[in-house]
Amino acid sequence: MSEKENGMVLPPPAQVGVVVSNLDDAIRFYSETFGLGPFQKVTFVPAQHWVKGEPCPIKLNIGMCPWGPLQLELIEPIEGDAPHKWFLREKGEGLQHLGFIIENYDEWLAYLKGKGIGVLMNAETDVEGMGHVRAAYMQSDAVGGVLFELIEVTP
């Protein structure tokens, strides 16, 4: 049975995640050069966070703006040993992930585990104005070099 036949088809991306070394400089560049924005800046410290299954507190400075049907997310790692910091150290600034808003989070995790794709990082927290958010970076970068982030939002 194909993935389409069993209902496991990702929706179009909702987010483009770019890791940057300096959030303010990146926001200025994207605003002044490409006219993007306005950006909403937040400090992200999730209530629960795991890297490769182990608890790992992190702190990220994030700038977000609408970009047509997508959200551009600029991510500056501040504290913690997480994939954003590894990406910056190993590759420099750049496109790190595509985010997909899904409704069947647990089903997707189980399905991808069955396909041999594990969870690199996951977080769970309440986000003001959004609700309860669960998100997981899947180890999908073996082909194409881009992580897929599964995002579930419950109001």
Protein backbone atom coordinates (compact mmCIF):
# COMPACT_ATOMS: atom_id res chain seq x y z
CA MET A 1 0.00 0.00 0.00
CA SER A 2 1.38 3.43 -0.90
CA GLU A 3 1.61 6.31 1.57
CA LYS A 4 -1.20 8.09 -0.28
CA GLU A 5 -3.43 5.05 0.07
CA ASN A 6 -2.86 4.83 3.84
CA GLY A 7 -3.41 8.57 4.31
CA MET A 8 0.16 9.49 5.31
CA VAL A 9 0.80 12.47 3.06
CA LEU A 10 2.41 15.62 4.42
CA PRO A 11 0.58 18.88 3.77
CA PRO A 12 2.49 21.67 2.00
CA PRO A 13 5.18 23.32 4.14
CA ALA A 14 3.94 26.05 6.46
CA GLN A 15 7.36 27.24 7.64
CA VAL A 16 10.88 27.79 6.36
CA GLY A 17 13.46 27.65 9.17
CA VAL A 18 16.80 29.44 8.73
CA VAL A 19 19.55 29.28 11.35
CA VAL A 20 21.43 32.57 11.78
CA SER A 21 24.31 33.74 13.95
CA ASN A 22 22.76 37.12 14.81
CA LEU A 23 18.99 37.53 14.77
CA ASP A 24 18.94 41.33 14.67
CA ASP A 25 21.36 41.45 11.72
CA ALA A 26 19.34 38.79 9.87
CA ILE A 27 16.04 40.61 10.43
CA ARG A 28 17.60 43.84 9.20
CA PHE A 29 18.96 42.08 6.08
CA TYR A 30 15.70 40.33 5.16
CA SER A 31 13.67 43.49 5.86
CA GLU A 32 15.88 46.00 4.07
CA THR A 33 16.93 43.77 1.17
CA PHE A 34 13.76 41.81 0.42
CA GLY A 35 11.04 43.87 2.10
CA LEU A 36 10.02 41.02 4.41
CA GLY A 37 8.38 41.65 7.73
CA PRO A 38 7.34 42.90 10.10
CA PHE A 39 9.09 40.31 12.24
CA GLN A 40 7.82 39.15 15.61
CA LYS A 41 10.73 38.41 17.94
CA VAL A 42 10.45 35.85 20.73
CA THR A 43 12.80 34.11 23.11
CA PHE A 44 11.93 30.43 22.94
CA VAL A 45 12.56 28.35 26.06
CA PRO A 46 10.28 25.30 25.81
CA ALA A 47 8.85 23.77 28.96
CA GLN A 48 9.97 20.34 27.79
CA HIS A 49 12.73 19.65 25.28
CA TRP A 50 14.64 16.55 24.20
CA VAL A 51 17.56 15.93 21.86
CA LYS A 52 17.85 12.33 20.67
CA GLY A 53 15.51 11.31 23.50
CA GLU A 54 17.50 12.96 26.30
CA PRO A 55 16.25 16.05 28.21
CA CYS A 56 18.17 19.11 27.04
CA PRO A 57 17.16 22.66 27.97
CA ILE A 58 17.60 25.21 25.17
CA LYS A 59 17.14 28.90 24.56
CA LEU A 60 16.62 30.32 21.08
CA ASN A 61 16.02 33.83 19.82
CA ILE A 62 13.48 33.56 17.01
CA GLY A 63 12.20 36.09 14.50
CA MET A 64 9.09 35.18 12.49
CA CYS A 65 7.24 36.87 9.69
CA PRO A 66 4.55 35.92 7.20
CA TRP A 67 5.87 35.14 3.74
CA GLY A 68 2.92 34.48 1.45
CA PRO A 69 1.38 31.20 2.63
CA LEU A 70 4.54 30.42 4.63
CA GLN A 71 6.17 31.66 7.79
CA LEU A 72 9.85 32.59 7.66
CA GLU A 73 11.50 31.60 10.94
CA LEU A 74 14.97 32.96 11.70
CA ILE A 75 16.61 31.06 14.57
CA GLU A 76 19.61 32.19 16.62
CA PRO A 77 20.80 29.53 19.09
CA ILE A 78 21.63 31.05 22.49
CA GLU A 79 21.91 28.21 25.04
CA GLY A 80 21.88 24.43 25.00
CA ASP A 81 23.40 21.77 22.80
CA ALA A 82 20.75 21.42 20.10
CA PRO A 83 20.58 20.92 16.32
CA HIS A 84 20.50 24.68 15.67
CA LYS A 85 23.91 25.10 17.29
CA TRP A 86 25.28 22.04 15.46
CA PHE A 87 23.99 23.36 12.15
CA LEU A 88 25.63 26.76 12.66
CA ARG A 89 28.93 25.18 13.70
CA GLU A 90 29.04 22.59 10.91
CA LYS A 91 27.39 24.41 7.98
CA GLY A 92 27.18 28.08 8.87
CA GLU A 93 24.00 30.06 8.41
CA GLY A 94 21.32 28.65 6.15
CA LEU A 95 18.12 26.74 5.53
CA GLN A 96 17.81 24.13 8.27
CA HIS A 97 14.24 22.89 8.18
CA LEU A 98 10.81 22.92 6.61
CA GLY A 99 7.91 22.93 9.05
CA PHE A 100 4.64 21.09 8.45
CA ILE A 101 1.48 21.74 10.49
CA ILE A 102 -0.18 18.38 11.12
CA GLU A 103 -3.09 17.10 13.19
CA ASN A 104 -1.98 13.49 13.73
CA TYR A 105 1.37 14.03 15.46
CA ASP A 106 1.67 10.69 17.26
CA GLU A 107 0.59 8.79 14.16
CA TRP A 108 3.27 10.57 12.08
CA LEU A 109 6.00 9.81 14.65
CA ALA A 110 5.06 6.13 14.66
CA TYR A 111 4.79 5.99 10.87
CA LEU A 112 8.22 7.59 10.34
CA LYS A 113 9.79 5.37 13.01
CA GLY A 114 8.52 2.42 10.98
CA LYS A 115 10.29 3.93 7.96
CA GLY A 116 13.56 4.16 9.92
CA ILE A 117 13.36 7.93 10.46
CA GLY A 118 13.90 8.90 14.08
CA VAL A 119 13.28 12.03 16.12
CA LEU A 120 16.33 14.27 16.30
CA MET A 121 14.78 16.87 18.62
CA ASN A 122 11.35 17.45 20.04
CA ALA A 123 9.71 20.04 22.26
CA GLU A 124 6.40 20.59 23.97
CA THR A 125 5.22 23.88 25.41
CA ASP A 126 2.38 26.39 25.59
CA VAL A 127 2.77 29.37 23.26
CA GLU A 128 0.83 32.54 24.01
CA GLY A 129 -1.62 33.28 21.24
CA MET A 130 -1.28 29.79 19.72
CA GLY A 131 -2.02 27.18 22.37
CA HIS A 132 -0.24 23.94 23.19
CA VAL A 133 2.49 23.10 20.69
CA ARG A 134 4.27 19.80 20.12
CA ALA A 135 7.03 19.78 17.52
CA ALA A 136 9.64 17.30 16.35
CA TYR A 137 12.60 17.62 14.02
CA MET A 138 12.74 14.35 12.16
CA GLN A 139 16.04 12.83 11.00
CA SER A 140 15.02 13.37 7.37
CA ASP A 141 18.19 15.16 6.28
CA ALA A 142 19.99 12.04 4.99
CA VAL A 143 18.42 12.79 1.60
CA GLY A 144 18.46 16.45 0.54
CA GLY A 145 20.08 17.79 3.71
CA VAL A 146 16.90 19.39 5.12
CA LEU A 147 15.17 18.46 8.37
CA PHE A 148 11.38 18.12 8.36
CA GLU A 149 9.68 19.55 11.44
CA LEU A 150 6.29 18.16 12.40
CA ILE A 151 4.22 20.74 14.30
CA GLU A 152 0.94 20.13 16.13
CA VAL A 153 -0.97 23.07 17.61
CA THR A 154 -3.90 22.50 19.97
CA PRO A 155 -5.79 25.68 20.96
